[in-house]
Each structure stands twice: as C-alpha cells, then as structure tokens.
Amino acid sequence: MLAGSKDIVRALTKVIGAVQAIDCALIPNLPNIEFVIDGTTYELPSSEYILDLKVFGQEGCLVGIQEIDLGRLGESLIMGDVFIKYWYTEFDVANTRVGFAKAVQK
C-alpha cells in the first residue's frame, strides 16, 4: 500500500477517481501516478497501484492507497509495497540515502 496523510491521499485518489473499490476493467484507462523525489520523476502505472484480488472465486479491484494519521510526521507518504515492488529500493543507512531503480519484472 501507499499510505499517507489526508491531503496527499485525497489528491491522489482525486486523480484516480476512486477511493476504495474500482471496476477492474478500468485499470488500463487509469492514469499513471508520478512521484518526484529529489528532482527525479518515478512513474507508477495503474497496474501497480490497483490491487487485483481474487478471493474464494470472487474478483475485485481495490485502490492500493490508504489514508492514515501520521501524527507528528504531518504531510507524509509511506511508499509501501505498491511502490517498492515496481521501483527497487536500496536503503544505504551508513550514508543516510535511498536509491531507486526500476525493478526487474517477472
């Protein structure tokens, strides 16, 4: 999931046109979401932020973006598995930096 403060999540879901459930047939027509991190744009296609779920023979699609109260962090966004499964993420704690590269898709 991508999880973030109210204003950020509402801006994202406004672009998508949905907050929770969505018709799976709409996935190819939904916009890519672009995140600009340190001047570099990272694009996330709808096929990554919409979760296509099949449970007990039922299929449905959910928006993988969730509003949460982050308290003291204020306006923030947690780039969860929706982002890091598409953009490989390298955490370099020793040098206090994070790097991204497009993940190899199987």
PDB file of N, CA and C in Angstrom:
ATOM      1  N   MET A   1       0.824  -1.189   0.000  1.00  0.00           N
ATOM      2  CA  MET A   1       0.000   0.000   0.000  1.00  0.00           C
ATOM      3  C   MET A   1       0.871   1.258   0.000  1.00  0.00           C
ATOM      4  N   LEU A   2       0.305   2.306  -0.525  1.00  0.00           N
ATOM      5  CA  LEU A   2       0.810   3.649  -0.299  1.00  0.00           C
ATOM      6  C   LEU A   2      -0.083   4.194   0.809  1.00  0.00           C
ATOM      7  N   ALA A   3       0.495   4.695   1.858  1.00  0.00           N
ATOM      8  CA  ALA A   3      -0.290   5.208   2.969  1.00  0.00           C
ATOM      9  C   ALA A   3       0.201   6.590   3.323  1.00  0.00           C
ATOM     10  N   GLY A   4      -0.739   7.502   3.490  1.00  0.00           N
ATOM     11  CA  GLY A   4      -0.299   8.855   3.772  1.00  0.00           C
ATOM     12  C   GLY A   4      -1.334   9.723   4.417  1.00  0.00           C
ATOM     13  N   SER A   5      -0.934  10.948   4.661  1.00  0.00           N
ATOM     14  CA  SER A   5      -1.799  11.922   5.296  1.00  0.00           C
ATOM     15  C   SER A   5      -2.968  12.272   4.385  1.00  0.00           C
ATOM     16  N   LYS A   6      -4.005  12.777   5.011  1.00  0.00           N
ATOM     17  CA  LYS A   6      -5.288  13.037   4.354  1.00  0.00           C
ATOM     18  C   LYS A   6      -5.145  13.831   3.055  1.00  0.00           C
ATOM     19  N   ASP A   7      -4.455  14.963   3.086  1.00  0.00           N
ATOM     20  CA  ASP A   7      -4.383  15.830   1.905  1.00  0.00           C
ATOM     21  C   ASP A   7      -3.673  15.161   0.738  1.00  0.00           C
ATOM     22  N   ILE A   8      -2.596  14.449   1.014  1.00  0.00           N
ATOM     23  CA  ILE A   8      -1.852  13.765  -0.047  1.00  0.00           C
ATOM     24  C   ILE A   8      -2.691  12.654  -0.659  1.00  0.00           C
ATOM     25  N   VAL A   9      -3.301  11.834   0.178  1.00  0.00           N
ATOM     26  CA  VAL A   9      -4.096  10.705  -0.319  1.00  0.00           C
ATOM     27  C   VAL A   9      -5.313  11.201  -1.094  1.00  0.00           C
ATOM     28  N   ARG A  10      -5.942  12.221  -0.609  1.00  0.00           N
ATOM     29  CA  ARG A  10      -7.127  12.744  -1.320  1.00  0.00           C
ATOM     30  C   ARG A  10      -6.748  13.330  -2.680  1.00  0.00           C
ATOM     31  N   ALA A  11      -5.578  13.949  -2.766  1.00  0.00           N
ATOM     32  CA  ALA A  11      -5.118  14.461  -4.059  1.00  0.00           C
ATOM     33  C   ALA A  11      -4.874  13.310  -5.034  1.00  0.00           C
ATOM     34  N   LEU A  12      -4.273  12.224  -4.555  1.00  0.00           N
ATOM     35  CA  LEU A  12      -4.015  11.061  -5.414  1.00  0.00           C
ATOM     36  C   LEU A  12      -5.315  10.393  -5.853  1.00  0.00           C
ATOM     37  N   THR A  13      -6.228  10.160  -4.913  1.00  0.00           N
ATOM     38  CA  THR A  13      -7.472   9.473  -5.267  1.00  0.00           C
ATOM     39  C   THR A  13      -8.380  10.351  -6.128  1.00  0.00           C
ATOM     40  N   LYS A  14      -8.227  11.657  -6.045  1.00  0.00           N
ATOM     41  CA  LYS A  14      -8.995  12.549  -6.924  1.00  0.00           C
ATOM     42  C   LYS A  14      -8.558  12.348  -8.375  1.00  0.00           C
ATOM     43  N   VAL A  15      -7.264  12.195  -8.596  1.00  0.00           N
ATOM     44  CA  VAL A  15      -6.738  11.955  -9.943  1.00  0.00           C
ATOM     45  C   VAL A  15      -7.249  10.619 -10.482  1.00  0.00           C
ATOM     46  N   ILE A  16      -7.307   9.613  -9.598  1.00  0.00           N
ATOM     47  CA  ILE A  16      -7.746   8.274  -9.995  1.00  0.00           C
ATOM     48  C   ILE A  16      -9.250   8.229 -10.185  1.00  0.00           C
ATOM     49  N   GLY A  17      -9.980   8.999  -9.375  1.00  0.00           N
ATOM     50  CA  GLY A  17     -11.430   8.999  -9.451  1.00  0.00           C
ATOM     51  C   GLY A  17     -12.069   7.929  -8.583  1.00  0.00           C
ATOM     52  N   ALA A  18     -11.312   7.356  -7.676  1.00  0.00           N
ATOM     53  CA  ALA A  18     -11.845   6.327  -6.789  1.00  0.00           C
ATOM     54  C   ALA A  18     -11.089   6.360  -5.480  1.00  0.00           C
ATOM     55  N   VAL A  19     -11.742   5.913  -4.434  1.00  0.00           N
ATOM     56  CA  VAL A  19     -11.113   5.899  -3.119  1.00  0.00           C
ATOM     57  C   VAL A  19     -10.810   4.481  -2.668  1.00  0.00           C
ATOM     58  N   GLN A  20     -11.732   3.546  -2.878  1.00  0.00           N
ATOM     59  CA  GLN A  20     -11.519   2.181  -2.390  1.00  0.00           C
ATOM     60  C   GLN A  20     -11.634   1.173  -3.524  1.00  0.00           C
ATOM     61  N   ALA A  21     -12.842   0.736  -3.803  1.00  0.00           N
ATOM     62  CA  ALA A  21     -13.048  -0.274  -4.846  1.00  0.00           C
ATOM     63  C   ALA A  21     -13.176   0.404  -6.205  1.00  0.00           C
ATOM     64  N   ILE A  22     -12.791  -0.349  -7.230  1.00  0.00           N
ATOM     65  CA  ILE A  22     -12.873   0.171  -8.592  1.00  0.00           C
ATOM     66  C   ILE A  22     -13.121  -0.991  -9.540  1.00  0.00           C
ATOM     67  N   ASP A  23     -13.781  -0.724 -10.630  1.00  0.00           N
ATOM     68  CA  ASP A  23     -14.034  -1.737 -11.650  1.00  0.00           C
ATOM     69  C   ASP A  23     -12.701  -2.152 -12.277  1.00  0.00           C
ATOM     70  N   CYS A  24     -12.394  -3.437 -12.226  1.00  0.00           N
ATOM     71  CA  CYS A  24     -11.112  -3.936 -12.750  1.00  0.00           C
ATOM     72  C   CYS A  24     -10.909  -3.608 -14.226  1.00  0.00           C
ATOM     73  N   ALA A  25     -11.985  -3.501 -14.965  1.00  0.00           N
ATOM     74  CA  ALA A  25     -11.884  -3.196 -16.397  1.00  0.00           C
ATOM     75  C   ALA A  25     -11.333  -1.793 -16.647  1.00  0.00           C
ATOM     76  N   LEU A  26     -11.359  -0.937 -15.638  1.00  0.00           N
ATOM     77  CA  LEU A  26     -10.882   0.438 -15.797  1.00  0.00           C
ATOM     78  C   LEU A  26      -9.376   0.581 -15.637  1.00  0.00           C
ATOM     79  N   ILE A  27      -8.700  -0.441 -15.154  1.00  0.00           N
ATOM     80  CA  ILE A  27      -7.265  -0.339 -14.861  1.00  0.00           C
ATOM     81  C   ILE A  27      -6.452   0.216 -16.037  1.00  0.00           C
ATOM     82  N   PRO A  28      -6.631  -0.295 -17.265  1.00  0.00           N
ATOM     83  CA  PRO A  28      -5.810   0.233 -18.376  1.00  0.00           C
ATOM     84  C   PRO A  28      -6.067   1.709 -18.695  1.00  0.00           C
ATOM     85  N   ASN A  29      -7.215   2.233 -18.269  1.00  0.00           N
ATOM     86  CA  ASN A  29      -7.573   3.618 -18.582  1.00  0.00           C
ATOM     87  C   ASN A  29      -7.205   4.605 -17.482  1.00  0.00           C
ATOM     88  N   LEU A  30      -6.732   4.109 -16.365  1.00  0.00           N
ATOM     89  CA  LEU A  30      -6.383   4.988 -15.255  1.00  0.00           C
ATOM     90  C   LEU A  30      -5.008   5.623 -15.491  1.00  0.00           C
ATOM     91  N   PRO A  31      -4.795   6.808 -14.940  1.00  0.00           N
ATOM     92  CA  PRO A  31      -3.518   7.493 -15.167  1.00  0.00           C
ATOM     93  C   PRO A  31      -2.386   6.872 -14.363  1.00  0.00           C
ATOM     94  N   ASN A  32      -1.186   7.054 -14.850  1.00  0.00           N
ATOM     95  CA  ASN A  32      -0.008   6.734 -14.061  1.00  0.00           C
ATOM     96  C   ASN A  32       0.123   7.817 -12.997  1.00  0.00           C
ATOM     97  N   ILE A  33       0.685   7.439 -11.863  1.00  0.00           N
ATOM     98  CA  ILE A  33       0.958   8.417 -10.812  1.00  0.00           C
ATOM     99  C   ILE A  33       2.452   8.718 -10.860  1.00  0.00           C
ATOM    100  N   GLU A  34       2.786   9.993 -10.795  1.00  0.00           N
ATOM    101  CA  GLU A  34       4.196  10.391 -10.816  1.00  0.00           C
ATOM    102  C   GLU A  34       4.598  10.947  -9.458  1.00  0.00           C
ATOM    103  N   PHE A  35       5.708  10.451  -8.964  1.00  0.00           N
ATOM    104  CA  PHE A  35       6.286  10.944  -7.722  1.00  0.00           C
ATOM    105  C   PHE A  35       7.617  11.594  -8.076  1.00  0.00           C
ATOM    106  N   VAL A  36       7.827  12.804  -7.618  1.00  0.00           N
ATOM    107  CA  VAL A  36       9.095  13.484  -7.840  1.00  0.00           C
ATOM    108  C   VAL A  36       9.856  13.443  -6.524  1.00  0.00           C
ATOM    109  N   ILE A  37      10.995  12.750  -6.554  1.00  0.00           N
ATOM    110  CA  ILE A  37      11.831  12.598  -5.367  1.00  0.00           C
ATOM    111  C   ILE A  37      13.213  13.140  -5.708  1.00  0.00           C
ATOM    112  N   ASP A  38      13.602  14.166  -5.018  1.00  0.00           N
ATOM    113  CA  ASP A  38      14.903  14.802  -5.219  1.00  0.00           C
ATOM    114  C   ASP A  38      15.139  15.159  -6.693  1.00  0.00           C
ATOM    115  N   GLY A  39      14.088  15.661  -7.341  1.00  0.00           N
ATOM    116  CA  GLY A  39      14.195  16.116  -8.722  1.00  0.00           C
ATOM    117  C   GLY A  39      14.039  15.041  -9.779  1.00  0.00           C
ATOM    118  N   THR A  40      13.905  13.783  -9.388  1.00  0.00           N
ATOM    119  CA  THR A  40      13.725  12.684 -10.341  1.00  0.00           C
ATOM    120  C   THR A  40      12.282  12.199 -10.283  1.00  0.00           C
ATOM    121  N   THR A  41      11.673  11.990 -11.447  1.00  0.00           N
ATOM    122  CA  THR A  41      10.292  11.531 -11.518  1.00  0.00           C
ATOM    123  C   THR A  41      10.247  10.011 -11.598  1.00  0.00           C
ATOM    124  N   TYR A  42       9.444   9.423 -10.721  1.00  0.00           N
ATOM    125  CA  TYR A  42       9.230   7.973 -10.698  1.00  0.00           C
ATOM    126  C   TYR A  42       7.764   7.737 -10.998  1.00  0.00           C
ATOM    127  N   GLU A  43       7.522   7.083 -12.127  1.00  0.00           N
ATOM    128  CA  GLU A  43       6.162   6.848 -12.581  1.00  0.00           C
ATOM    129  C   GLU A  43       5.671   5.494 -12.089  1.00  0.00           C
ATOM    130  N   LEU A  44       4.420   5.454 -11.644  1.00  0.00           N
ATOM    131  CA  LEU A  44       3.816   4.227 -11.162  1.00  0.00           C
ATOM    132  C   LEU A  44       2.552   3.968 -11.970  1.00  0.00           C
ATOM    133  N   PRO A  45       2.547   2.911 -12.800  1.00  0.00           N
ATOM    134  CA  PRO A  45       1.374   2.634 -13.628  1.00  0.00           C
ATOM    135  C   PRO A  45       0.191   2.122 -12.797  1.00  0.00           C
ATOM    136  N   SER A  46      -0.991   2.300 -13.329  1.00  0.00           N
ATOM    137  CA  SER A  46      -2.207   1.879 -12.627  1.00  0.00           C
ATOM    138  C   SER A  46      -2.204   0.393 -12.299  1.00  0.00           C
ATOM    139  N   SER A  47      -1.555  -0.404 -13.117  1.00  0.00           N
ATOM    140  CA  SER A  47      -1.499  -1.843 -12.858  1.00  0.00           C
ATOM    141  C   SER A  47      -0.746  -2.158 -11.571  1.00  0.00           C
ATOM    142  N   GLU A  48       0.004  -1.187 -11.039  1.00  0.00           N
ATOM    143  CA  GLU A  48       0.750  -1.375  -9.800  1.00  0.00           C
ATOM    144  C   GLU A  48       0.005  -0.838  -8.582  1.00  0.00           C
ATOM    145  N   TYR A  49      -0.716   0.271  -8.728  1.00  0.00           N
ATOM    146  CA  TYR A  49      -1.395   0.835  -7.556  1.00  0.00           C
ATOM    147  C   TYR A  49      -2.833   0.360  -7.397  1.00  0.00           C
ATOM    148  N   ILE A  50      -3.348  -0.387  -8.375  1.00  0.00           N
ATOM    149  CA  ILE A  50      -4.653  -1.033  -8.226  1.00  0.00           C
ATOM    150  C   ILE A  50      -4.393  -2.501  -7.934  1.00  0.00           C
ATOM    151  N   LEU A  51      -4.973  -2.982  -6.862  1.00  0.00           N
ATOM    152  CA  LEU A  51      -4.772  -4.367  -6.440  1.00  0.00           C
ATOM    153  C   LEU A  51      -5.894  -5.231  -6.993  1.00  0.00           C
ATOM    154  N   ASP A  52      -5.536  -6.166  -7.860  1.00  0.00           N
ATOM    155  CA  ASP A  52      -6.496  -7.095  -8.464  1.00  0.00           C
ATOM    156  C   ASP A  52      -6.537  -8.330  -7.565  1.00  0.00           C
ATOM    157  N   LEU A  53      -7.624  -8.470  -6.826  1.00  0.00           N
ATOM    158  CA  LEU A  53      -7.732  -9.534  -5.827  1.00  0.00           C
ATOM    159  C   LEU A  53      -8.697 -10.622  -6.265  1.00  0.00           C
ATOM    160  N   LYS A  54      -8.293 -11.845  -6.035  1.00  0.00           N
ATOM    161  CA  LYS A  54      -9.157 -12.992  -6.294  1.00  0.00           C
ATOM    162  C   LYS A  54      -9.222 -13.803  -5.007  1.00  0.00           C
ATOM    163  N   VAL A  55     -10.410 -13.802  -4.378  1.00  0.00           N
ATOM    164  CA  VAL A  55     -10.593 -14.493  -3.104  1.00  0.00           C
ATOM    165  C   VAL A  55     -11.862 -15.324  -3.169  1.00  0.00           C
ATOM    166  N   PHE A  56     -11.724 -16.616  -2.888  1.00  0.00           N
ATOM    167  CA  PHE A  56     -12.865 -17.540  -2.869  1.00  0.00           C
ATOM    168  C   PHE A  56     -13.691 -17.454  -4.155  1.00  0.00           C
ATOM    169  N   GLY A  57     -13.009 -17.383  -5.279  1.00  0.00           N
ATOM    170  CA  GLY A  57     -13.688 -17.356  -6.568  1.00  0.00           C
ATOM    171  C   GLY A  57     -14.259 -16.011  -6.958  1.00  0.00           C
ATOM    172  N   GLN A  58     -14.120 -15.024  -6.119  1.00  0.00           N
ATOM    173  CA  GLN A  58     -14.608 -13.673  -6.401  1.00  0.00           C
ATOM    174  C   GLN A  58     -13.433 -12.796  -6.807  1.00  0.00           C
ATOM    175  N   GLU A  59     -13.671 -11.920  -7.780  1.00  0.00           N
ATOM    176  CA  GLU A  59     -12.615 -10.997  -8.204  1.00  0.00           C
ATOM    177  C   GLU A  59     -13.066  -9.575  -7.949  1.00  0.00           C
ATOM    178  N   GLY A  60     -12.132  -8.755  -7.535  1.00  0.00           N
ATOM    179  CA  GLY A  60     -12.417  -7.345  -7.327  1.00  0.00           C
ATOM    180  C   GLY A  60     -11.124  -6.561  -7.312  1.00  0.00           C
ATOM    181  N   CYS A  61     -11.229  -5.287  -7.512  1.00  0.00           N
ATOM    182  CA  CYS A  61     -10.045  -4.439  -7.523  1.00  0.00           C
ATOM    183  C   CYS A  61     -10.187  -3.335  -6.488  1.00  0.00           C
ATOM    184  N   LEU A  62      -9.090  -3.112  -5.779  1.00  0.00           N
ATOM    185  CA  LEU A  62      -9.041  -2.079  -4.747  1.00  0.00           C
ATOM    186  C   LEU A  62      -7.911  -1.107  -5.044  1.00  0.00           C
ATOM    187  N   VAL A  63      -8.135   0.142  -4.698  1.00  0.00           N
ATOM    188  CA  VAL A  63      -7.099   1.153  -4.823  1.00  0.00           C
ATOM    189  C   VAL A  63      -6.103   0.929  -3.687  1.00  0.00           C
ATOM    190  N   GLY A  64      -4.830   0.778  -4.023  1.00  0.00           N
ATOM    191  CA  GLY A  64      -3.799   0.491  -3.032  1.00  0.00           C
ATOM    192  C   GLY A  64      -3.226   1.740  -2.391  1.00  0.00           C
ATOM    193  N   ILE A  65      -4.103   2.682  -2.084  1.00  0.00           N
ATOM    194  CA  ILE A  65      -3.691   3.937  -1.464  1.00  0.00           C
ATOM    195  C   ILE A  65      -4.614   4.167  -0.273  1.00  0.00           C
ATOM    196  N   GLN A  66      -4.019   4.413   0.877  1.00  0.00           N
ATOM    197  CA  GLN A  66      -4.794   4.473   2.108  1.00  0.00           C
ATOM    198  C   GLN A  66      -4.435   5.704   2.923  1.00  0.00           C
ATOM    199  N   GLU A  67      -5.455   6.314   3.496  1.00  0.00           N
ATOM    200  CA  GLU A  67      -5.262   7.479   4.360  1.00  0.00           C
ATOM    201  C   GLU A  67      -5.003   7.011   5.790  1.00  0.00           C
ATOM    202  N   ILE A  68      -3.941   7.538   6.395  1.00  0.00           N
ATOM    203  CA  ILE A  68      -3.660   7.232   7.801  1.00  0.00           C
ATOM    204  C   ILE A  68      -3.195   8.497   8.511  1.00  0.00           C
ATOM    205  N   ASP A  69      -3.376   8.502   9.810  1.00  0.00           N
ATOM    206  CA  ASP A  69      -2.917   9.625  10.625  1.00  0.00           C
ATOM    207  C   ASP A  69      -1.458   9.376  10.990  1.00  0.00           C
ATOM    208  N   LEU A  70      -0.581  10.210  10.504  1.00  0.00           N
ATOM    209  CA  LEU A  70       0.846  10.035  10.749  1.00  0.00           C
ATOM    210  C   LEU A  70       1.349  10.907  11.895  1.00  0.00           C
ATOM    211  N   GLY A  71       0.431  11.489  12.629  1.00  0.00           N
ATOM    212  CA  GLY A  71       0.791  12.256  13.813  1.00  0.00           C
ATOM    213  C   GLY A  71       1.798  13.347  13.545  1.00  0.00           C
ATOM    214  N   ARG A  72       2.917  13.307  14.248  1.00  0.00           N
ATOM    215  CA  ARG A  72       3.944  14.354  14.159  1.00  0.00           C
ATOM    216  C   ARG A  72       4.586  14.448  12.787  1.00  0.00           C
ATOM    217  N   LEU A  73       4.477  13.394  11.971  1.00  0.00           N
ATOM    218  CA  LEU A  73       5.093  13.452  10.639  1.00  0.00           C
ATOM    219  C   LEU A  73       4.356  14.406   9.709  1.00  0.00           C
ATOM    220  N   GLY A  74       3.133  14.759  10.057  1.00  0.00           N
ATOM    221  CA  GLY A  74       2.377  15.720   9.253  1.00  0.00           C
ATOM    222  C   GLY A  74       2.100  15.202   7.851  1.00  0.00           C
ATOM    223  N   GLU A  75       2.341  16.058   6.857  1.00  0.00           N
ATOM    224  CA  GLU A  75       2.084  15.707   5.460  1.00  0.00           C
ATOM    225  C   GLU A  75       3.169  14.765   4.968  1.00  0.00           C
ATOM    226  N   SER A  76       2.893  13.475   4.993  1.00  0.00           N
ATOM    227  CA  SER A  76       3.876  12.463   4.604  1.00  0.00           C
ATOM    228  C   SER A  76       3.197  11.347   3.832  1.00  0.00           C
ATOM    229  N   LEU A  77       4.007  10.581   3.130  1.00  0.00           N
ATOM    230  CA  LEU A  77       3.518   9.428   2.377  1.00  0.00           C
ATOM    231  C   LEU A  77       4.474   8.268   2.591  1.00  0.00           C
ATOM    232  N   ILE A  78       3.936   7.135   2.989  1.00  0.00           N
ATOM    233  CA  ILE A  78       4.732   5.924   3.140  1.00  0.00           C
ATOM    234  C   ILE A  78       4.678   5.177   1.816  1.00  0.00           C
ATOM    235  N   MET A  79       5.830   5.021   1.199  1.00  0.00           N
ATOM    236  CA  MET A  79       5.921   4.359  -0.099  1.00  0.00           C
ATOM    237  C   MET A  79       6.048   2.849   0.142  1.00  0.00           C
ATOM    238  N   GLY A  80       4.924   2.198   0.306  1.00  0.00           N
ATOM    239  CA  GLY A  80       4.914   0.779   0.636  1.00  0.00           C
ATOM    240  C   GLY A  80       5.142  -0.119  -0.561  1.00  0.00           C
ATOM    241  N   ASP A  81       4.686  -1.357  -0.440  1.00  0.00           N
ATOM    242  CA  ASP A  81       4.966  -2.377  -1.459  1.00  0.00           C
ATOM    243  C   ASP A  81       4.447  -2.012  -2.838  1.00  0.00           C
ATOM    244  N   VAL A  82       3.394  -1.213  -2.910  1.00  0.00           N
ATOM    245  CA  VAL A  82       2.877  -0.776  -4.211  1.00  0.00           C
ATOM    246  C   VAL A  82       3.974  -0.070  -5.005  1.00  0.00           C
ATOM    247  N   PHE A  83       4.788   0.717  -4.313  1.00  0.00           N
ATOM    248  CA  PHE A  83       5.882   1.453  -4.956  1.00  0.00           C
ATOM    249  C   PHE A  83       7.148   0.605  -5.055  1.00  0.00           C
ATOM    250  N   ILE A  84       7.556  -0.040  -3.955  1.00  0.00           N
ATOM    251  CA  ILE A  84       8.863  -0.695  -3.948  1.00  0.00           C
ATOM    252  C   ILE A  84       8.893  -2.037  -4.673  1.00  0.00           C
ATOM    253  N   LYS A  85       7.732  -2.575  -5.048  1.00  0.00           N
ATOM    254  CA  LYS A  85       7.783  -3.783  -5.884  1.00  0.00           C
ATOM    255  C   LYS A  85       8.042  -3.398  -7.347  1.00  0.00           C
ATOM    256  N   TYR A  86       7.732  -2.159  -7.699  1.00  0.00           N
ATOM    257  CA  TYR A  86       7.945  -1.677  -9.069  1.00  0.00           C
ATOM    258  C   TYR A  86       9.279  -0.934  -9.181  1.00  0.00           C
ATOM    259  N   TRP A  87       9.630  -0.186  -8.141  1.00  0.00           N
ATOM    260  CA  TRP A  87      10.893   0.539  -8.079  1.00  0.00           C
ATOM    261  C   TRP A  87      11.743  -0.087  -6.991  1.00  0.00           C
ATOM    262  N   TYR A  88      12.757  -0.846  -7.406  1.00  0.00           N
ATOM    263  CA  TYR A  88      13.675  -1.458  -6.453  1.00  0.00           C
ATOM    264  C   TYR A  88      14.238  -0.353  -5.567  1.00  0.00           C
ATOM    265  N   THR A  89      14.281  -0.606  -4.275  1.00  0.00           N
ATOM    266  CA  THR A  89      14.708   0.411  -3.327  1.00  0.00           C
ATOM    267  C   THR A  89      15.904  -0.084  -2.534  1.00  0.00           C
ATOM    268  N   GLU A  90      16.962   0.699  -2.541  1.00  0.00           N
ATOM    269  CA  GLU A  90      18.189   0.380  -1.809  1.00  0.00           C
ATOM    270  C   GLU A  90      18.326   1.386  -0.670  1.00  0.00           C
ATOM    271  N   PHE A  91      18.316   0.868   0.559  1.00  0.00           N
ATOM    272  CA  PHE A  91      18.472   1.716   1.736  1.00  0.00           C
ATOM    273  C   PHE A  91      19.943   1.694   2.162  1.00  0.00           C
ATOM    274  N   ASP A  92      20.604   2.820   2.056  1.00  0.00           N
ATOM    275  CA  ASP A  92      22.005   2.961   2.444  1.00  0.00           C
ATOM    276  C   ASP A  92      22.047   3.740   3.762  1.00  0.00           C
ATOM    277  N   VAL A  93      21.882   3.016   4.852  1.00  0.00           N
ATOM    278  CA  VAL A  93      21.796   3.637   6.170  1.00  0.00           C
ATOM    279  C   VAL A  93      23.112   4.314   6.538  1.00  0.00           C
ATOM    280  N   ALA A  94      24.233   3.697   6.230  1.00  0.00           N
ATOM    281  CA  ALA A  94      25.540   4.258   6.590  1.00  0.00           C
ATOM    282  C   ALA A  94      25.756   5.645   6.001  1.00  0.00           C
ATOM    283  N   ASN A  95      25.222   5.865   4.799  1.00  0.00           N
ATOM    284  CA  ASN A  95      25.394   7.160   4.130  1.00  0.00           C
ATOM    285  C   ASN A  95      24.103   7.991   4.118  1.00  0.00           C
ATOM    286  N   THR A  96      23.127   7.574   4.910  1.00  0.00           N
ATOM    287  CA  THR A  96      21.819   8.244   5.021  1.00  0.00           C
ATOM    288  C   THR A  96      21.238   8.639   3.658  1.00  0.00           C
ATOM    289  N   ARG A  97      21.078   7.638   2.811  1.00  0.00           N
ATOM    290  CA  ARG A  97      20.485   7.884   1.497  1.00  0.00           C
ATOM    291  C   ARG A  97      19.674   6.675   1.056  1.00  0.00           C
ATOM    292  N   VAL A  98      18.817   6.917   0.081  1.00  0.00           N
ATOM    293  CA  VAL A  98      17.979   5.878  -0.507  1.00  0.00           C
ATOM    294  C   VAL A  98      18.133   5.986  -2.017  1.00  0.00           C
ATOM    295  N   GLY A  99      18.224   4.845  -2.681  1.00  0.00           N
ATOM    296  CA  GLY A  99      18.323   4.839  -4.141  1.00  0.00           C
ATOM    297  C   GLY A  99      17.208   4.004  -4.745  1.00  0.00           C
ATOM    298  N   PHE A 100      16.812   4.349  -5.962  1.00  0.00           N
ATOM    299  CA  PHE A 100      15.747   3.644  -6.660  1.00  0.00           C
ATOM    300  C   PHE A 100      16.217   3.224  -8.047  1.00  0.00           C
ATOM    301  N   ALA A 101      15.758   2.075  -8.495  1.00  0.00           N
ATOM    302  CA  ALA A 101      15.976   1.601  -9.867  1.00  0.00           C
ATOM    303  C   ALA A 101      14.764   0.776 -10.251  1.00  0.00           C
ATOM    304  N   LYS A 102      14.411   0.791 -11.511  1.00  0.00           N
ATOM    305  CA  LYS A 102      13.245   0.014 -11.942  1.00  0.00           C
ATOM    306  C   LYS A 102      13.509  -1.459 -11.654  1.00  0.00           C
ATOM    307  N   ALA A 103      12.580  -2.086 -10.948  1.00  0.00           N
ATOM    308  CA  ALA A 103      12.721  -3.494 -10.577  1.00  0.00           C
ATOM    309  C   ALA A 103      12.546  -4.377 -11.809  1.00  0.00           C
ATOM    310  N   VAL A 104      13.212  -5.493 -11.821  1.00  0.00           N
ATOM    311  CA  VAL A 104      13.060  -6.472 -12.891  1.00  0.00           C
ATOM    312  C   VAL A 104      11.735  -7.192 -12.644  1.00  0.00           C
ATOM    313  N   GLN A 105      10.851  -7.136 -13.622  1.00  0.00           N
ATOM    314  CA  GLN A 105       9.536  -7.761 -13.501  1.00  0.00           C
ATOM    315  C   GLN A 105       9.555  -9.152 -14.103  1.00  0.00           C
ATOM    316  N   LYS A 106       8.970 -10.119 -13.382  1.00  0.00           N
ATOM    317  CA  LYS A 106       8.893 -11.488 -13.901  1.00  0.00           C
ATOM    318  C   LYS A 106       7.569 -11.738 -14.545  1.00  0.00           C
TER     319      LYS A 106
END
